[in-house]
Amino acid sequence: EHLGLPNPEDVRNGLIAYKIAAHAADIARHRPGARDRDDELSRARYAFDWNKQFALSLDPDRAREYHDETLPADIYKQAEFCSMCGPKHCPMQTKITDQDLEQLQEVLASQASLA
């Protein structure tokens, strides 16, 4: 409805919604390279590379805001856990064997060939 002009936050939210919808459509259509950003973001998440995660996010500023809101102390800027699970229950902390890594690479390669 036409209740009024959008403010800057409304515009920002609309653009993010557009980016998410466009990205989902690209993935659904199996467009080449559509998952590259997601895969790279997953690798950054696994490596706890927060800055790379922020950079690869669809809304880097908001991602950084959420992180800093839940883990505000400077010591958490390089933390190897997130605010959801904490350091004691982080699934990324599980040890992966060389065999597991090989199997994971095979799965990723087969998924990439389907795209």
C-alpha atoms as a PDB file:
ATOM      1  CA  GLU A   1       0.000   0.000   0.000  1.00  0.00           C
ATOM      2  CA  HIS A   2       0.995   3.599  -0.426  1.00  0.00           C
ATOM      3  CA  LEU A   3       1.347   4.621   3.203  1.00  0.00           C
ATOM      4  CA  GLY A   4       4.382   6.790   2.719  1.00  0.00           C
ATOM      5  CA  LEU A   5       7.805   6.977   1.180  1.00  0.00           C
ATOM      6  CA  PRO A   6      10.353   4.399   2.312  1.00  0.00           C
ATOM      7  CA  ASN A   7      13.085   5.503   4.673  1.00  0.00           C
ATOM      8  CA  PRO A   8      16.726   4.463   4.132  1.00  0.00           C
ATOM      9  CA  GLU A   9      16.327   1.345   6.312  1.00  0.00           C
ATOM     10  CA  ASP A  10      13.279   0.259   4.275  1.00  0.00           C
ATOM     11  CA  VAL A  11      15.307   0.633   1.081  1.00  0.00           C
ATOM     12  CA  ARG A  12      18.211  -1.322   2.575  1.00  0.00           C
ATOM     13  CA  ASN A  13      15.898  -4.153   3.654  1.00  0.00           C
ATOM     14  CA  GLY A  14      14.302  -4.215   0.211  1.00  0.00           C
ATOM     15  CA  LEU A  15      17.664  -4.452  -1.516  1.00  0.00           C
ATOM     16  CA  ILE A  16      18.791  -7.294   0.734  1.00  0.00           C
ATOM     17  CA  ALA A  17      15.526  -9.162   0.095  1.00  0.00           C
ATOM     18  CA  TYR A  18      16.096  -8.659  -3.643  1.00  0.00           C
ATOM     19  CA  LYS A  19      19.675  -9.976  -3.402  1.00  0.00           C
ATOM     20  CA  ILE A  20      18.534 -13.061  -1.490  1.00  0.00           C
ATOM     21  CA  ALA A  21      15.741 -13.801  -3.974  1.00  0.00           C
ATOM     22  CA  ALA A  22      18.021 -13.324  -6.984  1.00  0.00           C
ATOM     23  CA  HIS A  23      20.682 -15.561  -5.451  1.00  0.00           C
ATOM     24  CA  ALA A  24      18.132 -18.276  -4.641  1.00  0.00           C
ATOM     25  CA  ALA A  25      16.855 -18.144  -8.227  1.00  0.00           C
ATOM     26  CA  ASP A  26      20.391 -18.463  -9.608  1.00  0.00           C
ATOM     27  CA  ILE A  27      20.986 -21.529  -7.448  1.00  0.00           C
ATOM     28  CA  ALA A  28      17.622 -23.069  -8.396  1.00  0.00           C
ATOM     29  CA  ARG A  29      18.450 -22.579 -12.074  1.00  0.00           C
ATOM     30  CA  HIS A  30      21.880 -24.188 -11.612  1.00  0.00           C
ATOM     31  CA  ARG A  31      23.625 -21.160 -13.035  1.00  0.00           C
ATOM     32  CA  PRO A  32      27.384 -21.678 -13.309  1.00  0.00           C
ATOM     33  CA  GLY A  33      29.185 -20.132 -10.368  1.00  0.00           C
ATOM     34  CA  ALA A  34      25.979 -19.450  -8.422  1.00  0.00           C
ATOM     35  CA  ARG A  35      27.181 -21.449  -5.430  1.00  0.00           C
ATOM     36  CA  ASP A  36      30.787 -20.251  -5.505  1.00  0.00           C
ATOM     37  CA  ARG A  37      30.142 -17.479  -3.003  1.00  0.00           C
ATOM     38  CA  ASP A  38      28.222 -19.833  -0.686  1.00  0.00           C
ATOM     39  CA  ASP A  39      30.979 -22.440  -0.844  1.00  0.00           C
ATOM     40  CA  GLU A  40      33.649 -19.830  -0.162  1.00  0.00           C
ATOM     41  CA  LEU A  41      31.600 -18.468   2.741  1.00  0.00           C
ATOM     42  CA  SER A  42      31.322 -21.993   4.173  1.00  0.00           C
ATOM     43  CA  ARG A  43      35.089 -22.422   3.955  1.00  0.00           C
ATOM     44  CA  ALA A  44      35.595 -19.056   5.689  1.00  0.00           C
ATOM     45  CA  ARG A  45      33.099 -20.076   8.374  1.00  0.00           C
ATOM     46  CA  TYR A  46      34.921 -23.361   8.941  1.00  0.00           C
ATOM     47  CA  ALA A  47      38.247 -21.500   9.195  1.00  0.00           C
ATOM     48  CA  PHE A  48      36.728 -18.877  11.538  1.00  0.00           C
ATOM     49  CA  ASP A  49      37.862 -16.175   9.124  1.00  0.00           C
ATOM     50  CA  TRP A  50      35.390 -13.564  10.335  1.00  0.00           C
ATOM     51  CA  ASN A  51      36.536 -10.786   8.005  1.00  0.00           C
ATOM     52  CA  LYS A  52      36.171 -13.013   4.958  1.00  0.00           C
ATOM     53  CA  GLN A  53      32.732 -14.114   6.171  1.00  0.00           C
ATOM     54  CA  PHE A  54      31.661 -10.495   6.478  1.00  0.00           C
ATOM     55  CA  ALA A  55      33.048  -9.640   3.035  1.00  0.00           C
ATOM     56  CA  LEU A  56      31.217 -12.554   1.391  1.00  0.00           C
ATOM     57  CA  SER A  57      27.902 -11.827   3.116  1.00  0.00           C
ATOM     58  CA  LEU A  58      25.050 -10.338   1.110  1.00  0.00           C
ATOM     59  CA  ASP A  59      24.967  -7.528   3.692  1.00  0.00           C
ATOM     60  CA  PRO A  60      28.492  -7.267   5.158  1.00  0.00           C
ATOM     61  CA  ASP A  61      27.690  -4.311   7.412  1.00  0.00           C
ATOM     62  CA  ARG A  62      24.698  -6.058   8.985  1.00  0.00           C
ATOM     63  CA  ALA A  63      26.673  -9.301   9.419  1.00  0.00           C
ATOM     64  CA  ARG A  64      29.391  -7.411  11.276  1.00  0.00           C
ATOM     65  CA  GLU A  65      26.766  -5.602  13.388  1.00  0.00           C
ATOM     66  CA  TYR A  66      25.172  -8.903  14.444  1.00  0.00           C
ATOM     67  CA  HIS A  67      28.550 -10.409  15.296  1.00  0.00           C
ATOM     68  CA  ASP A  68      29.686  -7.401  17.290  1.00  0.00           C
ATOM     69  CA  GLU A  69      26.330  -7.147  19.063  1.00  0.00           C
ATOM     70  CA  THR A  70      26.504 -10.712  20.382  1.00  0.00           C
ATOM     71  CA  LEU A  71      30.284 -10.881  20.894  1.00  0.00           C
ATOM     72  CA  PRO A  72      31.299  -7.266  21.593  1.00  0.00           C
ATOM     73  CA  ALA A  73      34.672  -7.679  23.346  1.00  0.00           C
ATOM     74  CA  ASP A  74      37.798  -7.247  21.223  1.00  0.00           C
ATOM     75  CA  ILE A  75      38.992 -10.725  22.151  1.00  0.00           C
ATOM     76  CA  TYR A  76      36.060 -12.182  20.162  1.00  0.00           C
ATOM     77  CA  LYS A  77      37.107 -10.522  16.895  1.00  0.00           C
ATOM     78  CA  GLN A  78      39.405 -13.510  16.282  1.00  0.00           C
ATOM     79  CA  ALA A  79      37.345 -16.087  18.198  1.00  0.00           C
ATOM     80  CA  GLU A  80      37.165 -19.624  16.897  1.00  0.00           C
ATOM     81  CA  PHE A  81      33.501 -20.018  17.789  1.00  0.00           C
ATOM     82  CA  CYS A  82      30.276 -18.121  17.248  1.00  0.00           C
ATOM     83  CA  SER A  83      27.646 -16.828  19.640  1.00  0.00           C
ATOM     84  CA  MET A  84      25.157 -19.607  18.887  1.00  0.00           C
ATOM     85  CA  CYS A  85      27.087 -22.632  20.185  1.00  0.00           C
ATOM     86  CA  GLY A  86      29.918 -21.012  22.104  1.00  0.00           C
ATOM     87  CA  PRO A  87      33.395 -22.470  22.541  1.00  0.00           C
ATOM     88  CA  LYS A  88      32.295 -25.684  24.268  1.00  0.00           C
ATOM     89  CA  HIS A  89      29.785 -26.889  21.691  1.00  0.00           C
ATOM     90  CA  CYS A  90      31.158 -25.657  18.369  1.00  0.00           C
ATOM     91  CA  PRO A  91      30.633 -28.265  15.610  1.00  0.00           C
ATOM     92  CA  MET A  92      33.453 -26.686  13.604  1.00  0.00           C
ATOM     93  CA  GLN A  93      35.892 -27.714  16.327  1.00  0.00           C
ATOM     94  CA  THR A  94      35.450 -31.415  15.546  1.00  0.00           C
ATOM     95  CA  LYS A  95      38.566 -33.002  14.202  1.00  0.00           C
ATOM     96  CA  ILE A  96      38.492 -34.085  10.580  1.00  0.00           C
ATOM     97  CA  THR A  97      40.727 -36.914   9.421  1.00  0.00           C
ATOM     98  CA  ASP A  98      42.498 -36.994   6.061  1.00  0.00           C
ATOM     99  CA  GLN A  99      40.039 -39.675   4.933  1.00  0.00           C
ATOM    100  CA  ASP A 100      37.092 -37.467   5.891  1.00  0.00           C
ATOM    101  CA  LEU A 101      38.639 -34.585   3.973  1.00  0.00           C
ATOM    102  CA  GLU A 102      39.103 -36.766   0.885  1.00  0.00           C
ATOM    103  CA  GLN A 103      35.472 -37.861   1.012  1.00  0.00           C
ATOM    104  CA  LEU A 104      34.330 -34.275   1.464  1.00  0.00           C
ATOM    105  CA  GLN A 105      36.365 -33.142  -1.541  1.00  0.00           C
ATOM    106  CA  GLU A 106      34.841 -35.941  -3.642  1.00  0.00           C
ATOM    107  CA  VAL A 107      31.328 -34.891  -2.636  1.00  0.00           C
ATOM    108  CA  LEU A 108      32.051 -31.230  -3.394  1.00  0.00           C
ATOM    109  CA  ALA A 109      33.549 -32.164  -6.774  1.00  0.00           C
ATOM    110  CA  SER A 110      30.512 -34.273  -7.683  1.00  0.00           C
ATOM    111  CA  GLN A 111      28.157 -31.468  -6.634  1.00  0.00           C
ATOM    112  CA  ALA A 112      30.134 -28.981  -8.689  1.00  0.00           C
ATOM    113  CA  SER A 113      29.799 -31.203 -11.757  1.00  0.00           C
ATOM    114  CA  LEU A 114      25.994 -31.203 -11.321  1.00  0.00           C
ATOM    115  CA  ALA A 115      25.840 -27.428 -11.414  1.00  0.00           C
END
